[in-house]
Amino acid sequence: MPHGLGDTTDLTDALSVLKLAGLTAVIESHDTIRLADGRRARFPTLTQRPRYEKPTDTELLMLAPSTVAVTQIALAEQTTTVLLVDVDQRRVWVDGRQILGVPERWKDAAPIYVTFAVARMLAVNGASFDDLVGAGLTPGQVDDALARLGKRVHRTTIGWESRQIGGLIDFSIACYPGPGGVRTRWTSNLPLVEQAQQLIDAGCRISGRAISELPGYPAISRRDMPYRLVAFIEHEIDMAALGFKHETVGYAGTEVIRPADPTIFLTAAAAGYADRTDDFVTANTLLRADMRNDDDAASLDEVRNRLQFLADTGYDLRHNLPS
């Protein structure tokens, strides 16, 4: 350990797991290893470097936590410059893929995400099987989702719909397990409204109370902007090029989510939205807002009530019932 304060970290076990994965490595310094292909990986430590010592350029960030979290796995699979080592279960991720060990079971959630996507598309107006496939799902995914929804849905002469009027609305909002994936927080000198427009122009979908500022959205009354803007991205974007910096305080700024749920952009497009998430994901974002306040609760009620009204009206129109 060089000069300064810090913790000594034993990477012996991590290096053994790397060797099992075919990545023989040698130690170059107290926080840097070098792989056989010449790439260097730095392990973040609290140890301070002497002022006269220049840091060695590295190509990889090495993570070897005592307990590997789902978010760390998602980060390693979406970022090619992360080297993640799970010592306990002997798993390794590098170059955006897992090269050692049994794949993580959290990916089993994909059918659940599709199930909730189908529930969201059926909740208000119902849809035919072909409409669900045309939205971007495969016939097998639709079959599986309808089977998982079970008695919550039924087939009519004009397609599939909720068995009870509005019966899928609260289910789609409250039971949705959340988008998962990787969350990062950013800050900018621009007002949140202008930040939102920047992210929309970059291909993001805005969610939560901030969408009340967007034109043509009657579900949420205009209120003061929340302290944090929530945006979903489908692909990595260069936030620094947009003028954003990593948020270190954690209580303000913009939260960017690259979700594990692959259907969020699909259902937004099915709802006709190019700049925001669908109403159900928006409601779930409001439900899960950290430090949720009265404005968030009121906005959630407005979205839910509007969905219930549309479901009731849509049922009457589909079945030619008097209003």
Protein backbone atom coordinates (compact mmCIF):
# COMPACT_ATOMS: atom_id res chain seq x y z
CA MET A 1 0.00 0.00 0.00
CA PRO A 2 1.51 3.36 -0.99
CA HIS A 3 1.63 6.52 1.09
CA GLY A 4 -1.61 7.82 2.53
CA LEU A 5 -4.66 6.39 4.20
CA GLY A 6 -6.73 3.56 2.77
CA ASP A 7 -7.83 -0.04 3.05
CA THR A 8 -5.81 -3.01 1.94
CA THR A 9 -7.82 -5.20 -0.43
CA ASP A 10 -6.92 -8.84 -1.06
CA LEU A 11 -7.64 -9.69 -4.69
CA THR A 12 -6.08 -13.16 -4.54
CA ASP A 13 -9.42 -14.97 -4.85
CA ALA A 14 -10.57 -12.63 -7.61
CA LEU A 15 -7.39 -13.33 -9.59
CA SER A 16 -7.99 -17.07 -9.16
CA VAL A 17 -11.50 -16.73 -10.61
CA LEU A 18 -10.13 -14.66 -13.49
CA LYS A 19 -7.64 -17.46 -14.22
CA LEU A 20 -10.54 -19.95 -14.39
CA ALA A 21 -12.11 -17.67 -17.00
CA GLY A 22 -8.91 -17.72 -19.04
CA LEU A 23 -7.91 -14.19 -18.04
CA THR A 24 -4.52 -14.60 -16.45
CA ALA A 25 -3.55 -11.36 -14.73
CA VAL A 26 -0.58 -9.91 -12.88
CA ILE A 27 -0.56 -7.15 -10.27
CA GLU A 28 1.05 -3.91 -11.40
CA SER A 29 0.26 -1.69 -8.42
CA HIS A 30 -1.87 -1.54 -5.29
CA ASP A 31 -4.99 -0.88 -7.41
CA THR A 32 -4.14 -2.04 -10.93
CA ILE A 33 -3.83 -5.43 -12.61
CA ARG A 34 -2.75 -6.24 -16.17
CA LEU A 35 -4.44 -8.95 -18.21
CA ALA A 36 -2.59 -11.22 -20.61
CA ASP A 37 -3.90 -9.21 -23.59
CA GLY A 38 -2.21 -6.10 -22.20
CA ARG A 39 -5.29 -4.31 -20.92
CA ARG A 40 -5.10 -2.79 -17.47
CA ALA A 41 -7.96 -2.92 -14.97
CA ARG A 42 -8.16 -0.61 -11.98
CA PHE A 43 -9.83 -1.65 -8.75
CA PRO A 44 -11.29 1.43 -6.95
CA THR A 45 -9.86 1.86 -3.45
CA LEU A 46 -9.78 4.55 -0.78
CA THR A 47 -6.00 4.63 -0.84
CA GLN A 48 -4.55 8.00 -1.81
CA ARG A 49 -1.72 8.19 -4.32
CA PRO A 50 1.36 10.29 -3.61
CA ARG A 51 1.21 13.62 -5.42
CA TYR A 52 4.33 12.83 -7.44
CA GLU A 53 2.95 9.48 -8.69
CA LYS A 54 1.14 9.70 -12.00
CA PRO A 55 -1.87 7.36 -12.39
CA THR A 56 -1.51 4.61 -14.98
CA ASP A 57 -3.97 4.71 -17.83
CA THR A 58 -6.41 1.80 -17.64
CA GLU A 59 -8.90 0.36 -20.09
CA LEU A 60 -11.14 -1.44 -17.59
CA LEU A 61 -12.81 -0.74 -14.26
CA MET A 62 -12.57 -3.83 -12.07
CA LEU A 63 -15.38 -4.63 -9.64
CA ALA A 64 -15.00 -7.48 -7.16
CA PRO A 65 -17.57 -6.78 -4.43
CA SER A 66 -18.27 -9.14 -1.55
CA THR A 67 -21.84 -9.50 -2.81
CA VAL A 68 -22.67 -8.99 -6.47
CA ALA A 69 -25.89 -7.03 -6.98
CA VAL A 70 -28.28 -7.20 -9.91
CA THR A 71 -27.49 -3.59 -10.84
CA GLN A 72 -23.77 -4.42 -11.04
CA ILE A 73 -24.50 -7.34 -13.37
CA ALA A 74 -26.66 -5.08 -15.55
CA LEU A 75 -23.85 -2.48 -15.60
CA ALA A 76 -21.29 -5.11 -16.63
CA GLU A 77 -23.54 -6.40 -19.42
CA GLN A 78 -24.21 -2.92 -20.77
CA THR A 79 -20.73 -1.43 -20.39
CA THR A 80 -17.79 -3.02 -22.19
CA THR A 81 -15.22 -1.30 -19.97
CA VAL A 82 -16.36 -3.01 -16.75
CA LEU A 83 -14.67 -6.19 -15.49
CA LEU A 84 -16.95 -7.78 -12.87
CA VAL A 85 -15.79 -10.73 -10.76
CA ASP A 86 -18.16 -12.74 -8.56
CA VAL A 87 -15.81 -14.68 -6.32
CA ASP A 88 -18.44 -16.66 -4.37
CA GLN A 89 -20.22 -18.08 -7.43
CA ARG A 90 -17.20 -18.01 -9.75
CA ARG A 91 -18.64 -15.78 -12.42
CA VAL A 92 -16.90 -13.20 -14.62
CA TRP A 93 -18.20 -10.51 -16.96
CA VAL A 94 -16.00 -8.63 -19.41
CA ASP A 95 -16.56 -6.86 -22.73
CA GLY A 96 -20.29 -6.68 -21.98
CA ARG A 97 -20.87 -10.43 -21.63
CA GLN A 98 -20.56 -13.23 -19.08
CA ILE A 99 -17.63 -15.55 -19.84
CA LEU A 100 -17.64 -17.75 -16.73
CA GLY A 101 -20.36 -19.26 -14.56
CA VAL A 102 -24.08 -19.91 -14.76
CA PRO A 103 -26.10 -17.00 -16.22
CA GLU A 104 -27.86 -14.87 -13.60
CA ARG A 105 -31.47 -15.88 -12.97
CA TRP A 106 -32.74 -12.31 -12.97
CA LYS A 107 -33.13 -12.60 -16.74
CA ASP A 108 -36.01 -14.99 -16.07
CA ALA A 109 -38.01 -11.80 -15.46
CA ALA A 110 -38.30 -11.20 -19.23
CA PRO A 111 -41.60 -13.16 -19.56
CA ILE A 112 -42.99 -11.21 -16.60
CA TYR A 113 -42.16 -7.92 -18.31
CA VAL A 114 -43.93 -9.10 -21.48
CA THR A 115 -46.93 -10.16 -19.39
CA PHE A 116 -47.25 -6.68 -17.91
CA ALA A 117 -46.79 -5.13 -21.36
CA VAL A 118 -49.74 -7.16 -22.67
CA ALA A 119 -51.77 -6.22 -19.56
CA ARG A 120 -51.07 -2.53 -20.21
CA MET A 121 -52.15 -2.82 -23.84
CA LEU A 122 -55.36 -4.66 -22.89
CA ALA A 123 -56.28 -2.64 -19.79
CA VAL A 124 -58.21 0.20 -21.42
CA ASN A 125 -59.36 -0.73 -24.92
CA GLY A 126 -58.48 -4.40 -25.28
CA ALA A 127 -56.77 -5.67 -28.42
CA SER A 128 -56.83 -8.53 -30.86
CA PHE A 129 -54.08 -11.13 -30.92
CA ASP A 130 -52.81 -9.68 -34.20
CA ASP A 131 -52.73 -6.17 -32.72
CA LEU A 132 -50.53 -7.39 -29.86
CA VAL A 133 -48.18 -9.10 -32.30
CA GLY A 134 -48.18 -6.02 -34.51
CA ALA A 135 -47.06 -3.90 -31.56
CA GLY A 136 -43.73 -5.73 -31.60
CA LEU A 137 -44.24 -8.96 -29.63
CA THR A 138 -43.88 -12.47 -31.01
CA PRO A 139 -46.89 -14.82 -31.17
CA GLY A 140 -45.19 -17.03 -28.57
CA GLN A 141 -44.74 -14.11 -26.19
CA VAL A 142 -48.39 -13.11 -26.57
CA ASP A 143 -49.58 -16.69 -25.99
CA ASP A 144 -47.42 -16.98 -22.86
CA ALA A 145 -48.54 -13.57 -21.52
CA LEU A 146 -52.25 -14.35 -21.98
CA ALA A 147 -51.76 -17.67 -20.22
CA ARG A 148 -49.98 -15.94 -17.32
CA LEU A 149 -52.76 -13.35 -17.01
CA GLY A 150 -55.22 -16.26 -16.69
CA LYS A 151 -58.67 -15.27 -15.44
CA ARG A 152 -57.80 -11.58 -15.46
CA VAL A 153 -58.51 -11.56 -19.22
CA HIS A 154 -60.96 -13.25 -21.57
CA ARG A 155 -61.52 -13.52 -25.28
CA THR A 156 -64.51 -11.83 -26.89
CA THR A 157 -65.77 -11.73 -30.48
CA ILE A 158 -63.67 -8.61 -31.10
CA GLY A 159 -60.47 -9.61 -29.30
CA TRP A 160 -58.95 -9.92 -25.84
CA GLU A 161 -59.82 -7.61 -22.95
CA SER A 162 -59.93 -7.41 -19.17
CA ARG A 163 -62.53 -9.72 -17.63
CA GLN A 164 -63.62 -6.88 -15.33
CA ILE A 165 -63.95 -3.31 -16.55
CA GLY A 166 -60.75 -1.57 -15.48
CA GLY A 167 -59.62 -4.74 -13.75
CA LEU A 168 -56.12 -4.61 -15.23
CA ILE A 169 -55.43 -0.97 -14.35
CA ASP A 170 -54.45 -1.27 -10.68
CA PHE A 171 -52.77 -4.59 -11.44
CA SER A 172 -50.62 -2.98 -14.15
CA ILE A 173 -49.68 -0.06 -11.90
CA ALA A 174 -49.21 -1.57 -8.46
CA CYS A 175 -48.01 -5.11 -9.27
CA TYR A 176 -45.50 -4.11 -11.94
CA PRO A 177 -42.07 -5.07 -10.50
CA GLY A 178 -40.38 -1.94 -11.78
CA PRO A 179 -38.13 -1.42 -14.80
CA GLY A 180 -34.93 -2.77 -13.25
CA GLY A 181 -31.74 -2.05 -15.17
CA VAL A 182 -29.12 0.62 -14.51
CA ARG A 183 -29.91 4.00 -12.95
CA THR A 184 -27.55 6.96 -13.13
CA ARG A 185 -28.07 10.49 -11.83
CA TRP A 186 -26.96 13.64 -13.58
CA THR A 187 -27.02 17.38 -13.10
CA SER A 188 -27.10 20.31 -15.50
CA ASN A 189 -27.18 24.08 -15.30
CA LEU A 190 -30.37 24.16 -17.36
CA PRO A 191 -33.86 24.18 -15.80
CA LEU A 192 -35.46 20.74 -15.58
CA VAL A 193 -37.96 21.59 -18.32
CA GLU A 194 -35.11 22.31 -20.74
CA GLN A 195 -33.23 19.21 -19.55
CA ALA A 196 -36.33 17.15 -20.35
CA GLN A 197 -36.49 18.56 -23.88
CA GLN A 198 -32.79 17.81 -24.40
CA LEU A 199 -33.30 14.20 -23.39
CA ILE A 200 -36.41 13.84 -25.55
CA ASP A 201 -34.44 15.14 -28.54
CA ALA A 202 -31.80 12.49 -27.75
CA GLY A 203 -34.43 9.72 -27.89
CA CYS A 204 -35.39 9.38 -24.22
CA ARG A 205 -38.87 8.88 -22.79
CA ILE A 206 -39.79 11.14 -19.87
CA SER A 207 -41.78 9.66 -17.00
CA GLY A 208 -43.32 10.72 -13.70
CA ARG A 209 -44.71 14.12 -12.80
CA ALA A 210 -42.37 15.97 -15.15
CA ILE A 211 -44.44 14.95 -18.17
CA SER A 212 -47.20 17.34 -17.05
CA GLU A 213 -45.01 20.04 -18.62
CA LEU A 214 -45.15 18.36 -22.02
CA PRO A 215 -47.81 19.48 -24.52
CA GLY A 216 -50.90 17.43 -25.22
CA TYR A 217 -50.96 15.46 -21.97
CA PRO A 218 -54.21 16.00 -20.02
CA ALA A 219 -53.80 13.25 -17.43
CA ILE A 220 -51.81 15.26 -14.88
CA SER A 221 -52.58 18.82 -13.81
CA ARG A 222 -49.71 21.22 -14.15
CA ARG A 223 -47.82 21.48 -10.88
CA ASP A 224 -44.36 22.59 -9.86
CA MET A 225 -41.65 20.49 -11.44
CA PRO A 226 -40.45 17.66 -9.17
CA TYR A 227 -37.00 17.84 -7.67
CA ARG A 228 -35.87 15.06 -9.99
CA LEU A 229 -36.56 14.36 -13.65
CA VAL A 230 -36.91 10.67 -14.63
CA ALA A 231 -36.01 9.57 -18.15
CA PHE A 232 -35.75 6.14 -19.80
CA ILE A 233 -33.16 5.39 -22.48
CA GLU A 234 -33.16 2.48 -24.91
CA HIS A 235 -29.49 2.85 -25.94
CA GLU A 236 -26.50 4.51 -24.34
CA ILE A 237 -26.29 8.25 -24.98
CA ASP A 238 -23.42 10.65 -24.39
CA MET A 239 -24.71 12.65 -21.43
CA ALA A 240 -21.52 14.69 -21.18
CA ALA A 241 -21.97 15.88 -24.77
CA LEU A 242 -25.42 17.17 -23.76
CA GLY A 243 -23.87 19.21 -20.96
CA PHE A 244 -24.67 16.87 -18.05
CA LYS A 245 -22.36 15.93 -15.20
CA HIS A 246 -22.60 13.02 -12.78
CA GLU A 247 -24.69 13.94 -9.73
CA THR A 248 -22.80 13.33 -6.50
CA VAL A 249 -25.27 14.71 -3.95
CA GLY A 250 -28.07 12.29 -4.80
CA TYR A 251 -31.00 14.53 -3.88
CA ALA A 252 -31.48 16.48 -7.09
CA GLY A 253 -30.95 16.35 -10.82
CA THR A 254 -31.95 13.96 -13.56
CA GLU A 255 -32.30 10.20 -13.15
CA VAL A 256 -31.60 8.26 -16.34
CA ILE A 257 -32.75 4.63 -16.42
CA ARG A 258 -31.64 2.05 -18.96
CA PRO A 259 -34.29 -0.53 -18.07
CA ALA A 260 -34.02 -4.29 -17.96
CA ASP A 261 -37.66 -4.28 -19.08
CA PRO A 262 -37.45 -4.45 -22.89
CA THR A 263 -41.11 -3.46 -23.39
CA ILE A 264 -41.17 0.10 -22.05
CA PHE A 265 -40.46 1.73 -25.40
CA LEU A 266 -42.74 -0.77 -27.15
CA THR A 267 -45.80 0.08 -25.06
CA ALA A 268 -45.04 3.81 -25.27
CA ALA A 269 -45.11 3.54 -29.07
CA ALA A 270 -48.33 1.46 -28.89
CA ALA A 271 -49.89 4.30 -26.87
CA GLY A 272 -48.81 6.82 -29.51
CA TYR A 273 -46.17 8.52 -27.34
CA ALA A 274 -42.79 9.48 -28.78
CA ASP A 275 -41.62 11.61 -25.86
CA ARG A 276 -42.93 9.87 -22.72
CA THR A 277 -43.65 6.47 -21.23
CA ASP A 278 -47.15 5.02 -21.38
CA ASP A 279 -49.59 6.08 -18.67
CA PHE A 280 -49.16 2.89 -16.63
CA VAL A 281 -45.37 3.19 -16.45
CA THR A 282 -45.81 6.88 -15.62
CA ALA A 283 -48.17 5.95 -12.77
CA ASN A 284 -45.71 3.34 -11.51
CA THR A 285 -42.92 5.92 -11.61
CA LEU A 286 -45.07 8.21 -9.47
CA LEU A 287 -45.84 5.33 -7.12
CA ARG A 288 -42.16 4.51 -6.67
CA ALA A 289 -40.91 8.10 -6.43
CA ASP A 290 -38.41 8.42 -3.62
CA MET A 291 -39.44 11.09 -1.11
CA ARG A 292 -42.94 10.98 -2.68
CA ASN A 293 -44.95 14.08 -1.75
CA ASP A 294 -48.59 15.20 -2.02
CA ASP A 295 -48.11 16.35 -5.61
CA ASP A 296 -46.89 12.89 -6.62
CA ALA A 297 -49.83 11.24 -4.86
CA ALA A 298 -52.34 13.61 -6.46
CA SER A 299 -50.80 13.08 -9.89
CA LEU A 300 -50.98 9.30 -9.43
CA ASP A 301 -54.67 9.56 -8.56
CA GLU A 302 -55.31 11.68 -11.65
CA VAL A 303 -53.61 9.20 -13.98
CA ARG A 304 -55.41 6.24 -12.41
CA ASN A 305 -58.83 7.95 -12.50
CA ARG A 306 -58.38 8.91 -16.13
CA LEU A 307 -57.44 5.34 -17.05
CA GLN A 308 -60.50 4.02 -15.20
CA PHE A 309 -62.73 6.52 -17.02
CA LEU A 310 -61.27 5.56 -20.41
CA ALA A 311 -61.67 1.84 -19.65
CA ASP A 312 -65.33 2.31 -18.71
CA THR A 313 -66.04 4.49 -21.75
CA GLY A 314 -64.14 2.18 -24.07
CA TYR A 315 -66.10 -0.85 -22.88
CA ASP A 316 -69.41 0.89 -23.58
CA LEU A 317 -68.26 1.90 -27.06
CA ARG A 318 -66.91 -1.53 -27.97
CA HIS A 319 -70.09 -3.29 -26.93
CA ASN A 320 -72.53 -0.60 -28.10
CA LEU A 321 -73.85 0.06 -24.61
CA PRO A 322 -75.63 3.29 -23.64
CA SER A 323 -73.34 5.76 -21.92
